[in-house]
């Protein structure tokens, strides 16, 4: 079990953009995500902000496919809906 308040706090990053990306996924997807996605998300919370923003905007990739897959899901939540 994950403490929601702690996760919300850890999603607060150095930039508003990162806050929005991470908090949106946490609030909309975390509870019904797979355990593998949750673990990947917890790993992303350990990343430095400069590395994380490059991954989430798509200008960098991880050597771990599951991290890249989750980054794509996080990114897609921020795209405007038609």
N, C-alpha and C. Protein backbone atom coordinates (compact mmCIF):
# COMPACT_ATOMS: atom_id res chain seq x y z
N UNK A 1 0.84 -1.19 0.00
CA UNK A 1 0.00 0.00 0.00
C UNK A 1 0.88 1.23 0.00
N UNK A 2 0.49 2.21 -0.77
CA UNK A 2 1.26 3.44 -0.89
C UNK A 2 0.51 4.58 -0.20
N UNK A 3 1.24 5.38 0.54
CA UNK A 3 0.65 6.52 1.22
C UNK A 3 0.40 7.61 0.19
N UNK A 4 -0.87 7.90 -0.07
CA UNK A 4 -1.25 8.86 -1.12
C UNK A 4 -0.67 10.25 -0.87
N UNK A 5 -0.71 10.71 0.36
CA UNK A 5 -0.18 12.05 0.67
C UNK A 5 1.31 12.12 0.38
N UNK A 6 2.04 11.07 0.70
CA UNK A 6 3.48 11.06 0.41
C UNK A 6 3.73 11.07 -1.09
N UNK A 7 2.94 10.30 -1.83
CA UNK A 7 3.10 10.28 -3.28
C UNK A 7 2.77 11.64 -3.89
N UNK A 8 1.71 12.27 -3.42
CA UNK A 8 1.36 13.61 -3.91
C UNK A 8 2.52 14.58 -3.66
N UNK A 9 3.10 14.50 -2.47
CA UNK A 9 4.21 15.38 -2.13
C UNK A 9 5.42 15.11 -3.02
N UNK A 10 5.70 13.84 -3.27
CA UNK A 10 6.85 13.48 -4.10
C UNK A 10 6.65 13.87 -5.56
N UNK A 11 5.40 14.05 -5.98
CA UNK A 11 5.12 14.50 -7.34
C UNK A 11 5.36 15.99 -7.52
N UNK A 12 5.51 16.71 -6.43
CA UNK A 12 5.82 18.14 -6.51
C UNK A 12 7.29 18.25 -6.86
N UNK A 13 7.55 18.79 -8.02
CA UNK A 13 8.90 18.82 -8.56
C UNK A 13 9.39 20.26 -8.64
N UNK A 14 10.46 20.46 -9.40
CA UNK A 14 11.06 21.78 -9.53
C UNK A 14 10.37 22.70 -10.52
N UNK A 15 9.49 22.14 -11.34
CA UNK A 15 8.78 22.96 -12.31
C UNK A 15 7.29 22.63 -12.30
N UNK A 16 6.50 23.59 -12.67
CA UNK A 16 5.05 23.39 -12.73
C UNK A 16 4.69 22.31 -13.75
N UNK A 17 5.44 22.25 -14.85
CA UNK A 17 5.17 21.26 -15.89
C UNK A 17 5.34 19.84 -15.35
N UNK A 18 6.41 19.61 -14.63
CA UNK A 18 6.62 18.29 -14.04
C UNK A 18 5.57 17.98 -12.99
N UNK A 19 5.24 18.97 -12.17
CA UNK A 19 4.17 18.78 -11.18
C UNK A 19 2.90 18.30 -11.87
N UNK A 20 2.53 18.99 -12.92
CA UNK A 20 1.29 18.69 -13.63
C UNK A 20 1.34 17.29 -14.24
N UNK A 21 2.42 16.95 -14.91
CA UNK A 21 2.54 15.64 -15.54
C UNK A 21 2.46 14.52 -14.51
N UNK A 22 3.24 14.62 -13.47
CA UNK A 22 3.31 13.55 -12.48
C UNK A 22 2.03 13.46 -11.65
N UNK A 23 1.51 14.59 -11.21
CA UNK A 23 0.30 14.57 -10.39
C UNK A 23 -0.92 14.10 -11.18
N UNK A 24 -0.99 14.46 -12.45
CA UNK A 24 -2.12 14.02 -13.28
C UNK A 24 -2.14 12.50 -13.38
N UNK A 25 -0.98 11.90 -13.65
CA UNK A 25 -0.95 10.44 -13.75
C UNK A 25 -1.28 9.80 -12.41
N UNK A 26 -0.72 10.34 -11.34
CA UNK A 26 -1.00 9.80 -10.02
C UNK A 26 -2.50 9.84 -9.73
N UNK A 27 -3.13 10.95 -9.98
CA UNK A 27 -4.55 11.12 -9.64
C UNK A 27 -5.49 10.34 -10.55
N UNK A 28 -5.13 10.22 -11.83
CA UNK A 28 -6.05 9.59 -12.78
C UNK A 28 -5.77 8.11 -13.03
N UNK A 29 -4.53 7.69 -12.89
CA UNK A 29 -4.17 6.35 -13.33
C UNK A 29 -3.59 5.43 -12.27
N UNK A 30 -2.97 5.96 -11.26
CA UNK A 30 -2.22 5.14 -10.31
C UNK A 30 -3.06 4.04 -9.68
N UNK A 31 -4.24 4.35 -9.23
CA UNK A 31 -5.06 3.39 -8.50
C UNK A 31 -5.47 2.18 -9.33
N UNK A 32 -5.62 2.34 -10.62
CA UNK A 32 -6.02 1.19 -11.44
C UNK A 32 -4.91 0.76 -12.41
N UNK A 33 -3.68 1.16 -12.12
CA UNK A 33 -2.55 0.73 -12.93
C UNK A 33 -2.05 -0.63 -12.46
N UNK A 34 -1.22 -1.24 -13.26
CA UNK A 34 -0.64 -2.53 -12.87
C UNK A 34 0.45 -2.30 -11.83
N UNK A 35 0.81 -3.36 -11.15
CA UNK A 35 1.89 -3.26 -10.16
C UNK A 35 3.20 -2.85 -10.83
N UNK A 36 3.44 -3.33 -12.05
CA UNK A 36 4.66 -2.96 -12.78
C UNK A 36 4.67 -1.46 -13.09
N UNK A 37 3.51 -0.91 -13.47
CA UNK A 37 3.43 0.53 -13.73
C UNK A 37 3.63 1.32 -12.45
N UNK A 38 3.08 0.85 -11.36
CA UNK A 38 3.28 1.54 -10.09
C UNK A 38 4.75 1.55 -9.69
N UNK A 39 5.40 0.43 -9.86
CA UNK A 39 6.83 0.36 -9.54
C UNK A 39 7.64 1.29 -10.44
N UNK A 40 7.30 1.33 -11.72
CA UNK A 40 7.99 2.23 -12.64
C UNK A 40 7.76 3.69 -12.23
N UNK A 41 6.54 4.01 -11.83
CA UNK A 41 6.23 5.37 -11.39
C UNK A 41 7.06 5.73 -10.15
N UNK A 42 7.14 4.81 -9.19
CA UNK A 42 7.95 5.06 -8.00
C UNK A 42 9.42 5.26 -8.37
N UNK A 43 9.89 4.53 -9.36
CA UNK A 43 11.26 4.74 -9.83
C UNK A 43 11.42 6.12 -10.44
N UNK A 44 10.44 6.55 -11.22
CA UNK A 44 10.52 7.89 -11.83
C UNK A 44 10.58 8.98 -10.77
N UNK A 45 9.92 8.76 -9.65
CA UNK A 45 9.96 9.75 -8.58
C UNK A 45 11.36 9.93 -8.01
N UNK A 46 12.23 8.96 -8.25
CA UNK A 46 13.62 9.05 -7.78
C UNK A 46 14.53 9.78 -8.77
N UNK A 47 14.06 9.98 -9.99
CA UNK A 47 14.87 10.62 -11.02
C UNK A 47 15.07 12.10 -10.70
N UNK A 48 16.18 12.64 -11.17
CA UNK A 48 16.43 14.07 -11.08
C UNK A 48 15.49 14.80 -12.05
N UNK A 49 15.09 16.00 -11.69
CA UNK A 49 14.13 16.75 -12.50
C UNK A 49 14.58 16.94 -13.95
N UNK A 50 15.85 17.26 -14.17
CA UNK A 50 16.30 17.49 -15.54
C UNK A 50 16.22 16.23 -16.38
N UNK A 51 16.52 15.08 -15.81
CA UNK A 51 16.39 13.81 -16.54
C UNK A 51 14.93 13.48 -16.79
N UNK A 52 14.11 13.70 -15.79
CA UNK A 52 12.69 13.36 -15.86
C UNK A 52 11.97 14.19 -16.92
N UNK A 53 12.23 15.48 -16.97
CA UNK A 53 11.54 16.31 -17.95
C UNK A 53 11.92 15.91 -19.37
N UNK A 54 13.18 15.57 -19.59
CA UNK A 54 13.60 15.14 -20.93
C UNK A 54 12.93 13.82 -21.32
N UNK A 55 12.78 12.92 -20.38
CA UNK A 55 12.09 11.67 -20.65
C UNK A 55 10.62 11.92 -20.96
N UNK A 56 9.98 12.73 -20.15
CA UNK A 56 8.53 12.93 -20.29
C UNK A 56 8.14 13.76 -21.50
N UNK A 57 9.03 14.63 -21.97
CA UNK A 57 8.69 15.38 -23.19
C UNK A 57 9.14 14.63 -24.44
N UNK A 58 9.84 13.51 -24.24
CA UNK A 58 10.20 12.67 -25.37
C UNK A 58 11.53 12.99 -26.01
N UNK A 59 12.34 13.84 -25.41
CA UNK A 59 13.64 14.16 -26.01
C UNK A 59 14.75 13.23 -25.53
N UNK A 60 14.40 12.29 -24.64
CA UNK A 60 15.35 11.30 -24.15
C UNK A 60 14.59 10.00 -23.88
N UNK A 61 15.33 8.92 -23.84
CA UNK A 61 14.72 7.63 -23.54
C UNK A 61 15.52 6.93 -22.45
N UNK A 62 14.87 6.02 -21.78
CA UNK A 62 15.51 5.20 -20.77
C UNK A 62 15.99 3.91 -21.42
N UNK A 63 16.92 3.23 -20.78
CA UNK A 63 17.33 1.92 -21.27
C UNK A 63 16.39 0.82 -20.78
N UNK A 64 15.34 1.23 -20.04
CA UNK A 64 14.34 0.30 -19.54
C UNK A 64 13.03 0.50 -20.29
N UNK A 65 12.62 -0.47 -21.09
CA UNK A 65 11.38 -0.32 -21.88
C UNK A 65 10.15 0.02 -21.04
N UNK A 66 10.02 -0.55 -19.84
CA UNK A 66 8.82 -0.27 -19.03
C UNK A 66 8.78 1.18 -18.57
N UNK A 67 9.94 1.79 -18.38
CA UNK A 67 10.00 3.21 -18.02
C UNK A 67 9.55 4.05 -19.21
N UNK A 68 10.03 3.69 -20.41
CA UNK A 68 9.63 4.42 -21.62
C UNK A 68 8.14 4.29 -21.89
N UNK A 69 7.60 3.09 -21.64
CA UNK A 69 6.16 2.88 -21.85
C UNK A 69 5.35 3.75 -20.90
N UNK A 70 5.75 3.78 -19.64
CA UNK A 70 5.03 4.62 -18.67
C UNK A 70 5.18 6.10 -19.02
N UNK A 71 6.36 6.51 -19.44
CA UNK A 71 6.57 7.91 -19.82
C UNK A 71 5.62 8.30 -20.96
N UNK A 72 5.43 7.40 -21.91
CA UNK A 72 4.49 7.65 -23.00
C UNK A 72 3.06 7.81 -22.49
N UNK A 73 2.69 6.99 -21.52
CA UNK A 73 1.34 7.09 -20.94
C UNK A 73 1.17 8.41 -20.18
N UNK A 74 2.18 8.79 -19.44
CA UNK A 74 2.14 10.06 -18.70
C UNK A 74 2.04 11.22 -19.70
N UNK A 75 2.83 11.15 -20.75
CA UNK A 75 2.84 12.19 -21.78
C UNK A 75 1.47 12.29 -22.44
N UNK A 76 0.86 11.15 -22.74
CA UNK A 76 -0.42 11.17 -23.46
C UNK A 76 -1.54 11.79 -22.64
N UNK A 77 -1.45 11.75 -21.32
CA UNK A 77 -2.47 12.38 -20.49
C UNK A 77 -2.47 13.90 -20.63
N UNK A 78 -1.33 14.44 -21.02
CA UNK A 78 -1.23 15.90 -21.10
C UNK A 78 -1.59 16.44 -22.48
N UNK A 79 -1.81 15.54 -23.44
CA UNK A 79 -2.15 15.99 -24.79
C UNK A 79 -3.60 16.44 -24.83
N UNK A 80 -3.87 17.49 -25.61
CA UNK A 80 -5.26 17.95 -25.72
C UNK A 80 -6.13 16.88 -26.38
N UNK A 81 -7.33 16.76 -25.90
CA UNK A 81 -8.29 15.80 -26.47
C UNK A 81 -9.08 16.50 -27.58
N UNK A 82 -9.29 15.80 -28.72
CA UNK A 82 -10.07 16.42 -29.82
C UNK A 82 -11.53 16.55 -29.47
